[in-house]
């Protein structure tokens, strides 16, 4: 890009991984970046507010701020919308689209609620400006792009721009010695809710714990299923540990204490836990309805890809992981780290700059 491109991103909340990426983009000075956060926090997230080192505004349902943003939205060279489930954001999208200036939509795979045609019609109504424009779509993973292409057609530009994080925080530790085959430690990291499949993992662990007395499970995260899970796993209380919510900066310590990461989600648009686990040298068990698992996992190489919601498929993968020799597990570990070497924060910043330039070209 020959000049600094003024860019506005409208997104939901300041999640740690987005803030980390936006901070890094801001210091590059290739784009003049401003972020409009719809809310400063969310009751569904336990994250503390990360340190924000970029231009930003918290809208927080303040009508005066929305009026201000509406006046400013067409000043920017590019506007990227990362959210649409809010009436004021739909107004901003329509306002920007009417200006004929460069904009795009950036999102995870749509259709999680499986409303079928009702969901399609709802999005066609809500995102009519996107349907009737040439605006590119930045999909968070190829799984997302495939769904967007089906719903929004193939005659527009699509770019694969998933979530990134500083994986060197996780990969600084490399497993130089053989795993201890006297124990096999499984880790779960995520909200304790049905969508994350933690109930399936607990059920399968109970079955396997009766067969193998050397396996352990650590559950990191909080959620409404905590008490139920504690009761379900009470028979194996000496081999199961509930770690509760852990701050983002502490995650690498817990990854490095594990042997296998389990991500049994029934649906996860991306799932940043997958590349973080791989970067930590953990083979990952993921599902075919998790964007990052579809992107990175190779059966028999760095992990296992199982059918979402299928207990038998999860059982097979976990049993195979238990049965790996120390040498085999070390090989999986090395391949796990290698599989995400091109998914660093620096790679994310470079892709962002490239997609910004390509998106603006569409409108020239």
Protein backbone atom coordinates (compact mmCIF):
# COMPACT_ATOMS: atom_id res chain seq x y z
CA UNK A 1 0.00 0.00 0.00
CA UNK A 2 1.44 3.33 -1.05
CA UNK A 3 -0.26 5.36 1.69
CA UNK A 4 -1.42 4.77 5.22
CA UNK A 5 -4.93 3.37 4.98
CA UNK A 6 -7.37 4.56 7.62
CA UNK A 7 -9.24 1.48 8.77
CA UNK A 8 -12.14 1.06 11.19
CA UNK A 9 -13.02 -2.36 12.61
CA UNK A 10 -16.38 -2.79 14.34
CA UNK A 11 -16.29 -5.80 16.66
CA UNK A 12 -18.12 -7.19 19.68
CA UNK A 13 -15.83 -7.05 22.74
CA UNK A 14 -12.09 -6.64 23.44
CA UNK A 15 -11.18 -10.33 23.65
CA UNK A 16 -7.49 -10.90 24.50
CA UNK A 17 -6.61 -12.48 21.16
CA UNK A 18 -8.24 -9.72 19.12
CA UNK A 19 -6.65 -6.98 21.22
CA UNK A 20 -3.26 -8.66 20.83
CA UNK A 21 -3.66 -8.73 17.04
CA UNK A 22 -4.98 -5.17 16.82
CA UNK A 23 -2.14 -3.87 19.01
CA UNK A 24 0.38 -5.48 16.68
CA UNK A 25 -1.33 -4.10 13.57
CA UNK A 26 -1.38 -0.62 15.11
CA UNK A 27 2.38 -0.53 15.76
CA UNK A 28 3.11 -1.56 12.16
CA UNK A 29 2.01 1.93 11.03
CA UNK A 30 0.95 0.52 7.65
CA UNK A 31 -2.68 1.19 8.48
CA UNK A 32 -4.17 3.89 10.69
CA UNK A 33 -6.31 1.60 12.83
CA UNK A 34 -9.34 2.39 14.96
CA UNK A 35 -11.50 -0.20 16.70
CA UNK A 36 -15.12 0.36 17.69
CA UNK A 37 -15.96 -2.15 20.43
CA UNK A 38 -19.70 -2.64 20.75
CA UNK A 39 -19.30 -3.51 24.42
CA UNK A 40 -16.43 -3.14 26.86
CA UNK A 41 -17.19 -6.56 28.37
CA UNK A 42 -19.65 -9.45 28.26
CA UNK A 43 -21.31 -11.39 31.06
CA UNK A 44 -20.61 -14.61 29.13
CA UNK A 45 -16.84 -14.05 29.23
CA UNK A 46 -14.55 -14.11 32.26
CA UNK A 47 -11.64 -12.28 30.65
CA UNK A 48 -10.28 -9.19 32.33
CA UNK A 49 -9.87 -6.15 30.12
CA UNK A 50 -6.52 -6.51 28.30
CA UNK A 51 -4.15 -3.61 27.76
CA UNK A 52 -5.32 -1.78 24.65
CA UNK A 53 -2.60 0.02 22.69
CA UNK A 54 -4.62 1.18 19.70
CA UNK A 55 -7.20 3.85 18.94
CA UNK A 56 -10.58 2.62 20.15
CA UNK A 57 -14.03 3.52 21.36
CA UNK A 58 -16.47 1.58 23.55
CA UNK A 59 -20.01 2.10 22.27
CA UNK A 60 -21.83 0.36 25.18
CA UNK A 61 -25.33 1.19 23.85
CA UNK A 62 -24.63 4.91 24.21
CA UNK A 63 -26.74 6.55 21.51
CA UNK A 64 -24.49 9.64 21.47
CA UNK A 65 -21.49 7.46 20.64
CA UNK A 66 -23.41 5.71 17.87
CA UNK A 67 -24.34 9.07 16.40
CA UNK A 68 -20.67 10.06 16.55
CA UNK A 69 -19.53 6.83 14.86
CA UNK A 70 -22.22 7.17 12.18
CA UNK A 71 -20.87 10.63 11.32
CA UNK A 72 -17.30 9.30 11.17
CA UNK A 73 -17.83 5.93 9.51
CA UNK A 74 -17.55 7.23 5.95
CA UNK A 75 -14.32 9.13 6.63
CA UNK A 76 -12.31 5.89 6.77
CA UNK A 77 -10.74 4.33 3.69
CA UNK A 78 -11.98 0.90 4.81
CA UNK A 79 -14.52 -0.35 7.34
CA UNK A 80 -14.48 -3.98 8.51
CA UNK A 81 -17.60 -5.29 10.25
CA UNK A 82 -16.98 -8.25 12.56
CA UNK A 83 -20.50 -8.34 14.03
CA UNK A 84 -24.07 -7.75 12.88
CA UNK A 85 -26.38 -8.97 15.68
CA UNK A 86 -27.18 -5.46 16.90
CA UNK A 87 -29.68 -3.00 15.33
CA UNK A 88 -27.27 -0.05 15.50
CA UNK A 89 -24.56 -2.06 13.72
CA UNK A 90 -26.98 -2.95 10.92
CA UNK A 91 -27.58 0.78 10.51
CA UNK A 92 -23.82 1.36 10.30
CA UNK A 93 -23.45 -1.40 7.70
CA UNK A 94 -26.25 0.06 5.59
CA UNK A 95 -24.81 3.56 5.94
CA UNK A 96 -21.34 2.44 4.83
CA UNK A 97 -22.71 0.35 1.95
CA UNK A 98 -24.69 3.33 0.67
CA UNK A 99 -21.50 5.40 0.50
CA UNK A 100 -20.02 3.00 -2.12
CA UNK A 101 -16.71 3.16 -0.24
CA UNK A 102 -14.65 0.09 0.64
CA UNK A 103 -15.99 -2.24 3.32
CA UNK A 104 -16.15 -5.93 4.10
CA UNK A 105 -17.64 -8.42 6.51
CA UNK A 106 -15.39 -10.59 8.70
CA UNK A 107 -16.92 -13.50 10.55
CA UNK A 108 -17.03 -17.07 11.77
CA UNK A 109 -19.11 -19.73 10.08
CA UNK A 110 -22.78 -18.80 10.06
CA UNK A 111 -25.72 -21.07 10.82
CA UNK A 112 -24.75 -22.59 14.17
CA UNK A 113 -28.35 -22.55 15.42
CA UNK A 114 -29.29 -24.77 12.46
CA UNK A 115 -32.45 -22.86 11.62
CA UNK A 116 -32.13 -24.01 8.03
CA UNK A 117 -33.99 -21.84 5.56
CA UNK A 118 -35.32 -19.66 8.38
CA UNK A 119 -31.75 -18.76 9.32
CA UNK A 120 -30.87 -18.10 5.69
CA UNK A 121 -33.85 -15.77 5.26
CA UNK A 122 -33.06 -14.03 8.54
CA UNK A 123 -29.49 -13.31 7.43
CA UNK A 124 -30.69 -12.28 3.97
CA UNK A 125 -32.87 -9.70 5.68
CA UNK A 126 -30.32 -8.57 8.25
CA UNK A 127 -27.37 -8.55 5.83
CA UNK A 128 -29.23 -7.35 2.75
CA UNK A 129 -26.56 -4.69 2.21
CA UNK A 130 -23.94 -7.42 2.01
CA UNK A 131 -26.06 -9.54 -0.33
CA UNK A 132 -26.52 -6.62 -2.71
CA UNK A 133 -22.94 -5.37 -2.67
CA UNK A 134 -19.57 -6.45 -4.01
CA UNK A 135 -18.06 -6.26 -0.52
CA UNK A 136 -15.58 -9.09 0.14
CA UNK A 137 -16.10 -11.52 2.99
CA UNK A 138 -13.23 -12.41 5.29
CA UNK A 139 -14.02 -15.87 6.59
CA UNK A 140 -12.57 -17.05 9.89
CA UNK A 141 -11.21 -20.26 8.39
CA UNK A 142 -11.97 -22.21 5.23
CA UNK A 143 -14.92 -23.91 6.93
CA UNK A 144 -16.53 -20.48 7.33
CA UNK A 145 -15.74 -19.47 3.75
CA UNK A 146 -17.42 -22.60 2.36
CA UNK A 147 -20.66 -21.66 4.15
CA UNK A 148 -20.49 -18.01 3.10
CA UNK A 149 -19.95 -19.01 -0.54
CA UNK A 150 -23.02 -21.21 -0.39
CA UNK A 151 -25.15 -18.43 1.06
CA UNK A 152 -23.68 -15.32 -0.58
CA UNK A 153 -22.58 -16.78 -3.91
CA UNK A 154 -19.21 -17.33 -5.53
CA UNK A 155 -19.05 -14.06 -7.49
CA UNK A 156 -17.31 -12.05 -4.81
CA UNK A 157 -13.89 -12.10 -3.18
CA UNK A 158 -13.35 -14.32 -0.16
CA UNK A 159 -10.30 -14.17 2.10
CA UNK A 160 -9.32 -16.61 4.83
CA UNK A 161 -8.52 -14.52 7.90
CA UNK A 162 -8.92 -16.55 11.11
CA UNK A 163 -8.00 -15.60 14.65
CA UNK A 164 -4.30 -15.37 15.48
CA UNK A 165 -2.38 -15.20 18.73
CA UNK A 166 1.27 -14.98 19.73
CA UNK A 167 2.00 -18.69 19.56
CA UNK A 168 5.58 -18.25 20.71
CA UNK A 169 4.13 -17.94 24.24
CA UNK A 170 3.08 -21.56 23.84
CA UNK A 171 5.90 -22.92 21.67
CA UNK A 172 8.86 -21.63 23.71
CA UNK A 173 8.72 -24.95 25.49
CA UNK A 174 9.67 -27.96 23.36
CA UNK A 175 9.43 -31.54 24.47
CA UNK A 176 13.06 -32.64 24.23
CA UNK A 177 12.67 -35.88 26.17
CA UNK A 178 10.35 -38.84 25.86
CA UNK A 179 6.90 -38.67 27.40
CA UNK A 180 6.37 -40.50 30.66
CA UNK A 181 4.31 -43.50 29.61
CA UNK A 182 3.45 -44.19 33.26
CA UNK A 183 0.67 -41.62 32.88
CA UNK A 184 -1.32 -40.10 30.04
CA UNK A 185 -2.69 -36.65 30.78
CA UNK A 186 -5.66 -35.23 28.88
CA UNK A 187 -6.51 -31.52 29.01
CA UNK A 188 -9.76 -29.71 28.24
CA UNK A 189 -9.76 -25.91 27.94
CA UNK A 190 -13.00 -24.02 27.41
CA UNK A 191 -16.39 -23.11 28.81
CA UNK A 192 -18.23 -25.90 30.60
CA UNK A 193 -21.28 -25.77 28.33
CA UNK A 194 -22.93 -28.34 26.03
CA UNK A 195 -21.66 -26.68 22.83
CA UNK A 196 -18.08 -27.41 23.90
CA UNK A 197 -18.82 -31.14 24.25
CA UNK A 198 -17.38 -31.42 27.75
CA UNK A 199 -20.22 -33.80 28.72
CA UNK A 200 -19.11 -36.23 26.01
CA UNK A 201 -15.50 -35.99 27.15
CA UNK A 202 -16.49 -36.73 30.74
CA UNK A 203 -18.55 -39.75 29.68
CA UNK A 204 -15.75 -41.18 27.54
CA UNK A 205 -13.15 -40.56 30.23
CA UNK A 206 -15.27 -42.56 32.70
CA UNK A 207 -15.31 -45.51 30.29
CA UNK A 208 -11.58 -45.31 29.63
CA UNK A 209 -10.69 -44.81 33.29
CA UNK A 210 -12.16 -48.24 34.00
CA UNK A 211 -9.83 -49.73 31.39
CA UNK A 212 -6.68 -47.69 32.03
CA UNK A 213 -5.66 -46.72 35.55
CA UNK A 214 -2.85 -44.41 34.40
CA UNK A 215 -4.94 -41.74 32.61
CA UNK A 216 -5.75 -38.33 34.06
CA UNK A 217 -7.98 -35.44 33.03
CA UNK A 218 -7.61 -31.75 33.79
CA UNK A 219 -10.57 -29.50 33.06
CA UNK A 220 -9.78 -25.81 32.64
CA UNK A 221 -12.69 -23.40 32.52
CA UNK A 222 -15.99 -22.59 34.22
CA UNK A 223 -19.61 -22.88 33.22
CA UNK A 224 -23.09 -24.01 34.12
CA UNK A 225 -22.18 -27.72 33.84
CA UNK A 226 -19.49 -27.63 36.54
CA UNK A 227 -21.51 -29.26 39.36
CA UNK A 228 -22.94 -31.90 37.05
CA UNK A 229 -19.47 -32.77 35.79
CA UNK A 230 -18.04 -32.99 39.30
CA UNK A 231 -20.76 -35.48 40.19
CA UNK A 232 -20.33 -37.43 36.94
CA UNK A 233 -16.57 -37.76 37.49
CA UNK A 234 -16.65 -38.19 41.28
CA UNK A 235 -15.70 -41.88 41.07
CA UNK A 236 -12.36 -40.80 39.57
CA UNK A 237 -11.77 -37.73 41.74
CA UNK A 238 -8.16 -38.77 42.31
CA UNK A 239 -7.50 -38.62 38.55
CA UNK A 240 -9.60 -35.59 37.60
CA UNK A 241 -8.73 -31.99 38.44
CA UNK A 242 -10.95 -28.96 37.90
CA UNK A 243 -8.69 -25.97 37.32
CA UNK A 244 -11.42 -23.34 37.00
CA UNK A 245 -11.02 -20.25 34.86
CA UNK A 246 -7.43 -19.32 34.11
CA UNK A 247 -6.23 -15.98 32.79
CA UNK A 248 -5.01 -15.97 29.22
CA UNK A 249 -1.37 -15.38 30.13
CA UNK A 250 -1.37 -18.48 32.37
CA UNK A 251 -2.64 -20.90 29.73
CA UNK A 252 0.79 -22.04 28.43
CA UNK A 253 1.72 -23.40 31.87
CA UNK A 254 -1.25 -25.75 31.86
CA UNK A 255 -0.79 -26.81 28.25
CA UNK A 256 2.77 -27.85 29.00
CA UNK A 257 1.66 -30.12 31.85
CA UNK A 258 -0.56 -32.15 29.50
CA UNK A 259 0.04 -34.84 26.88
CA UNK A 260 -3.13 -34.58 24.77
CA UNK A 261 -5.54 -31.68 24.24
CA UNK A 262 -9.22 -32.60 23.82
CA UNK A 263 -11.47 -30.18 21.90
CA UNK A 264 -14.74 -32.15 21.52
CA UNK A 265 -16.91 -29.19 20.47
CA UNK A 266 -20.29 -29.78 18.90
CA UNK A 267 -19.68 -26.48 17.10
CA UNK A 268 -16.83 -23.98 17.27
CA UNK A 269 -16.53 -21.42 14.51
CA UNK A 270 -12.75 -21.37 14.89
CA UNK A 271 -11.38 -22.57 18.23
CA UNK A 272 -8.10 -20.78 18.97
CA UNK A 273 -7.39 -23.45 21.57
CA UNK A 274 -6.47 -25.80 18.69
CA UNK A 275 -3.45 -23.87 17.31
CA UNK A 276 -2.42 -22.93 20.84
CA UNK A 277 -2.40 -26.59 21.83
CA UNK A 278 -0.50 -27.60 18.70
CA UNK A 279 2.07 -24.85 19.31
CA UNK A 280 2.54 -26.28 22.81
CA UNK A 281 3.46 -29.62 21.29
CA UNK A 282 0.17 -31.29 22.18
CA UNK A 283 -1.49 -33.64 19.73
CA UNK A 284 -5.10 -32.48 19.51
CA UNK A 285 -8.37 -34.38 19.36
CA UNK A 286 -10.81 -32.07 17.55
CA UNK A 287 -14.12 -32.39 15.74
CA UNK A 288 -15.36 -31.94 12.19
CA UNK A 289 -17.42 -28.95 13.34
CA UNK A 290 -14.49 -26.92 14.66
CA UNK A 291 -12.93 -24.54 12.16
CA UNK A 292 -9.34 -24.71 13.39
CA UNK A 293 -9.45 -28.51 13.74
CA UNK A 294 -10.51 -28.81 10.09
CA UNK A 295 -7.75 -26.38 9.13
CA UNK A 296 -4.82 -27.94 11.00
CA UNK A 297 -5.43 -31.51 12.12
CA UNK A 298 -4.18 -34.47 10.13
CA UNK A 299 -5.16 -37.93 11.31
CA UNK A 300 -2.15 -40.02 12.24
CA UNK A 301 0.10 -36.96 12.12
CA UNK A 302 -0.62 -34.29 14.72
CA UNK A 303 -3.93 -35.42 16.13
CA UNK A 304 -7.35 -36.90 15.48
CA UNK A 305 -10.43 -35.48 13.75
CA UNK A 306 -13.62 -37.01 15.15
CA UNK A 307 -17.30 -36.65 14.35
CA UNK A 308 -18.90 -33.92 16.46
CA UNK A 309 -21.34 -35.22 19.06
CA UNK A 310 -20.26 -38.83 18.51
CA UNK A 311 -19.14 -40.48 21.73
CA UNK A 312 -17.85 -43.59 19.97
CA UNK A 313 -15.64 -41.54 17.65
CA UNK A 314 -14.21 -39.65 20.61
CA UNK A 315 -13.65 -42.91 22.51
CA UNK A 316 -11.70 -44.37 19.58
CA UNK A 317 -9.42 -41.32 19.32
CA UNK A 318 -8.73 -41.10 23.05
CA UNK A 319 -8.01 -44.82 23.28
CA UNK A 320 -5.60 -44.56 20.37
CA UNK A 321 -3.89 -41.61 22.10
CA UNK A 322 -3.54 -43.68 25.26
CA UNK A 323 -2.04 -46.55 23.29
CA UNK A 324 0.70 -44.49 21.62
CA UNK A 325 4.22 -45.33 22.67
CA UNK A 326 6.49 -42.66 24.08
CA UNK A 327 8.34 -42.42 20.76
CA UNK A 328 5.10 -42.17 18.75
CA UNK A 329 3.73 -39.47 21.04
CA UNK A 330 6.95 -37.48 20.75
CA UNK A 331 6.64 -37.68 16.95
CA UNK A 332 3.04 -36.41 17.13
CA UNK A 333 4.26 -33.59 19.37
CA UNK A 334 6.95 -32.44 16.94
CA UNK A 335 4.50 -32.54 14.03
CA UNK A 336 1.96 -30.62 16.09
CA UNK A 337 4.35 -27.72 16.59
CA UNK A 338 5.43 -27.80 12.96
CA UNK A 339 1.84 -27.63 11.73
CA UNK A 340 1.32 -24.09 13.08
CA UNK A 341 4.69 -22.47 12.37
CA UNK A 342 3.01 -20.27 9.74
CA UNK A 343 0.18 -19.20 12.03
CA UNK A 344 2.06 -16.70 14.17
CA UNK A 345 0.89 -13.22 15.11
CA UNK A 346 3.34 -11.83 12.54
CA UNK A 347 1.70 -13.97 9.86
CA UNK A 348 -1.66 -12.58 10.92
CA UNK A 349 -0.49 -8.98 10.63
CA UNK A 350 0.96 -9.62 7.17
CA UNK A 351 -2.26 -11.25 5.99
CA UNK A 352 -4.29 -8.37 7.39
CA UNK A 353 -2.29 -5.80 5.42
CA UNK A 354 -2.59 -7.86 2.23
CA UNK A 355 -6.35 -8.35 2.59
CA UNK A 356 -6.87 -4.66 3.35
CA UNK A 357 -5.15 -3.77 0.07
CA UNK A 358 -7.07 -6.42 -1.88
CA UNK A 359 -10.40 -5.33 -0.40
CA UNK A 360 -9.83 -1.70 -1.33
CA UNK A 361 -8.97 -2.74 -4.90
CA UNK A 362 -12.46 -4.24 -5.26
CA UNK A 363 -13.97 -0.77 -4.88
CA UNK A 364 -11.55 1.11 -7.13
